Protein backbone atom coordinates (compact mmCIF):
# COMPACT_ATOMS: atom_id res chain seq x y z
CA UNK A 1 -16.85 24.34 -13.10
CA UNK A 2 -16.73 28.12 -13.37
CA UNK A 3 -17.59 28.39 -9.69
CA UNK A 4 -14.76 26.04 -8.78
CA UNK A 5 -12.13 27.84 -10.82
CA UNK A 6 -13.10 31.18 -9.35
CA UNK A 7 -13.51 30.03 -5.75
CA UNK A 8 -10.21 28.24 -5.60
CA UNK A 9 -7.70 28.46 -8.41
CA UNK A 10 -6.32 25.17 -9.72
CA UNK A 11 -8.93 23.33 -7.65
CA UNK A 12 -9.35 19.59 -7.45
CA UNK A 13 -12.96 18.44 -7.38
CA UNK A 14 -14.39 15.59 -5.32
CA UNK A 15 -17.95 14.33 -4.99
CA UNK A 16 -19.31 12.74 -1.84
CA UNK A 17 -22.58 11.65 -0.30
CA UNK A 18 -23.76 13.00 3.05
CA UNK A 19 -23.47 12.24 6.71
CA UNK A 20 -22.09 14.10 9.71
CA UNK A 21 -21.38 17.73 8.87
CA UNK A 22 -17.72 17.51 9.90
CA UNK A 23 -16.92 13.98 8.77
CA UNK A 24 -18.59 14.14 5.36
CA UNK A 25 -20.16 16.75 3.16
CA UNK A 26 -23.94 17.05 3.10
CA UNK A 27 -25.59 15.86 -0.09
CA UNK A 28 -26.92 18.29 -2.65
CA UNK A 29 -30.39 17.97 -4.12
CA UNK A 30 -29.08 15.30 -6.52
CA UNK A 31 -27.53 13.31 -3.66
CA UNK A 32 -24.04 14.53 -4.49
CA UNK A 33 -22.09 17.57 -3.37
CA UNK A 34 -19.10 19.16 -5.01
CA UNK A 35 -16.11 19.95 -2.85
CA UNK A 36 -13.50 22.32 -4.17
CA UNK A 37 -10.24 21.93 -2.33
CA UNK A 38 -7.80 24.73 -1.78
CA UNK A 39 -4.99 25.15 -4.28
CA UNK A 40 -2.22 22.96 -2.87
CA UNK A 41 0.47 25.11 -4.52
CA UNK A 42 -0.54 28.05 -2.29
CA UNK A 43 2.10 28.54 0.38
CA UNK A 44 0.39 28.07 3.75
CA UNK A 45 3.61 27.76 5.76
CA UNK A 46 3.46 29.84 8.89
CA UNK A 47 -0.33 30.03 8.75
CA UNK A 48 -2.10 28.24 11.57
CA UNK A 49 -5.53 28.70 10.02
CA UNK A 50 -6.20 27.41 6.52
CA UNK A 51 -9.32 26.95 4.43
CA UNK A 52 -9.61 23.26 3.62
CA UNK A 53 -12.34 23.52 1.01
CA UNK A 54 -15.68 24.82 -0.19
CA UNK A 55 -18.57 22.40 -0.68
CA UNK A 56 -21.52 23.42 -2.84
CA UNK A 57 -24.70 21.92 -1.39
CA UNK A 58 -26.80 22.50 -4.47
CA UNK A 59 -26.21 22.16 -8.20
CA UNK A 60 -23.71 24.66 -9.56
CA UNK A 61 -26.16 25.72 -12.28
CA UNK A 62 -28.73 26.71 -9.63
CA UNK A 63 -26.13 28.75 -7.76
CA UNK A 64 -25.16 30.56 -10.96
CA UNK A 65 -28.83 31.49 -11.51
CA UNK A 66 -28.99 33.12 -8.07
CA UNK A 67 -25.63 34.83 -7.67
CA UNK A 68 -22.52 35.61 -9.64
CA UNK A 69 -19.38 33.57 -9.30
CA UNK A 70 -17.49 36.75 -8.42
CA UNK A 71 -19.93 37.62 -5.60
CA UNK A 72 -19.72 34.09 -4.18
CA UNK A 73 -15.92 34.09 -4.36
CA UNK A 74 -15.75 37.50 -2.67
CA UNK A 75 -18.11 36.32 0.09
CA UNK A 76 -16.01 33.19 0.71
CA UNK A 77 -12.83 35.29 0.81
CA UNK A 78 -14.39 37.67 3.36
CA UNK A 79 -15.60 34.72 5.46
CA UNK A 80 -12.12 33.18 5.33
CA UNK A 81 -10.46 36.40 6.53
CA UNK A 82 -12.98 36.83 9.35
CA UNK A 83 -12.75 33.21 10.47
CA UNK A 84 -8.96 33.23 10.35
CA UNK A 85 -8.74 36.22 12.69
CA UNK A 86 -10.94 34.48 15.26
CA UNK A 87 -9.64 30.92 14.91
CA UNK A 88 -6.05 32.10 15.32
CA UNK A 89 -6.96 32.70 19.00
CA UNK A 90 -7.70 29.01 19.63
CA UNK A 91 -4.64 27.52 21.36
CA UNK A 92 -5.17 23.94 20.11
CA UNK A 93 -5.53 22.15 16.81
CA UNK A 94 -9.11 21.93 15.59
CA UNK A 95 -11.35 22.15 12.54
CA UNK A 96 -14.58 24.00 11.88
CA UNK A 97 -17.13 23.57 9.14
CA UNK A 98 -19.53 26.42 8.51
CA UNK A 99 -22.69 25.84 6.51
CA UNK A 100 -23.94 29.06 4.95
CA UNK A 101 -27.64 29.22 4.11
CA UNK A 102 -27.93 32.46 2.19
CA UNK A 103 -31.15 34.11 1.09
CA UNK A 104 -31.92 37.57 -0.21
CA UNK A 105 -30.33 40.10 2.19
CA UNK A 106 -29.19 37.59 4.85
CA UNK A 107 -27.06 34.51 5.46
CA UNK A 108 -27.70 32.11 8.29
CA UNK A 109 -25.02 29.71 9.46
CA UNK A 110 -24.68 26.30 11.07
CA UNK A 111 -21.37 25.66 12.79
CA UNK A 112 -19.74 22.34 13.63
CA UNK A 113 -16.34 21.99 15.25
CA UNK A 114 -14.00 19.08 15.89
CA UNK A 115 -11.08 18.97 18.26
CA UNK A 116 -10.29 21.12 21.27
CA UNK A 117 -12.07 24.42 20.66
CA UNK A 118 -12.47 27.00 23.39
CA UNK A 119 -16.07 28.01 24.04
CA UNK A 120 -15.23 31.72 23.68
CA UNK A 121 -13.53 31.16 20.32
CA UNK A 122 -16.48 29.12 19.02
CA UNK A 123 -18.90 31.86 20.06
CA UNK A 124 -16.68 34.59 18.59
CA UNK A 125 -16.51 32.68 15.29
CA UNK A 126 -20.28 32.34 15.14
CA UNK A 127 -20.75 36.03 16.00
CA UNK A 128 -18.21 37.17 13.40
CA UNK A 129 -19.70 35.07 10.59
CA UNK A 130 -23.29 36.08 11.33
CA UNK A 131 -22.23 39.74 11.06
CA UNK A 132 -20.72 39.36 7.57
CA UNK A 133 -22.35 41.42 4.83
CA UNK A 134 -24.78 39.01 3.15
CA UNK A 135 -24.04 37.31 -0.15
CA UNK A 136 -25.69 39.17 -3.04
CA UNK A 137 -28.25 36.64 -4.20
CA UNK A 138 -31.70 36.48 -5.78
CA UNK A 139 -32.61 33.23 -4.01
CA UNK A 140 -31.31 30.52 -1.72
CA UNK A 141 -27.65 29.50 -1.99
CA UNK A 142 -26.26 26.80 0.32
CA UNK A 143 -22.59 25.84 0.73
CA UNK A 144 -20.05 24.88 3.37
CA UNK A 145 -16.54 26.14 4.10
CA UNK A 146 -14.11 24.12 6.18
CA UNK A 147 -11.28 25.66 8.19
CA UNK A 148 -8.39 23.89 9.91
CA UNK A 149 -6.31 25.21 12.76
CA UNK A 150 -2.85 23.72 13.33
CA UNK A 151 -1.35 23.20 16.78
CA UNK A 152 0.93 25.95 18.07
């Protein structure tokens, strides 16, 4: 739970079993994933782009063996800022789920979108997230971050 409290203060936790990357979270090694939803007390009024949640795709104990909670939280915060700048350019409501597959010195991504997303915005989001400084880790760390964009 240390990861959850650091990633998103006052987080609610939900478990789910896998399916489509945007409709459901992917299962962890145990068949369950942990989704940490954004603090609902955080004032998001006036913000078109919000982070809907972080889903750990592997057991929390394994993540803590490979990276620090602070490094993971800082990486997610950087990804959120980068994604927000790009997604703000999309004129329509949409959502995007980014699966980060981090290894020593690099993080690969898988991107799924739902709704009306412009091709240039989708490509710019992918480019921006691939260029992020990698998560400091001693082994593989897999998680997803979901973003939502409200209509103008």
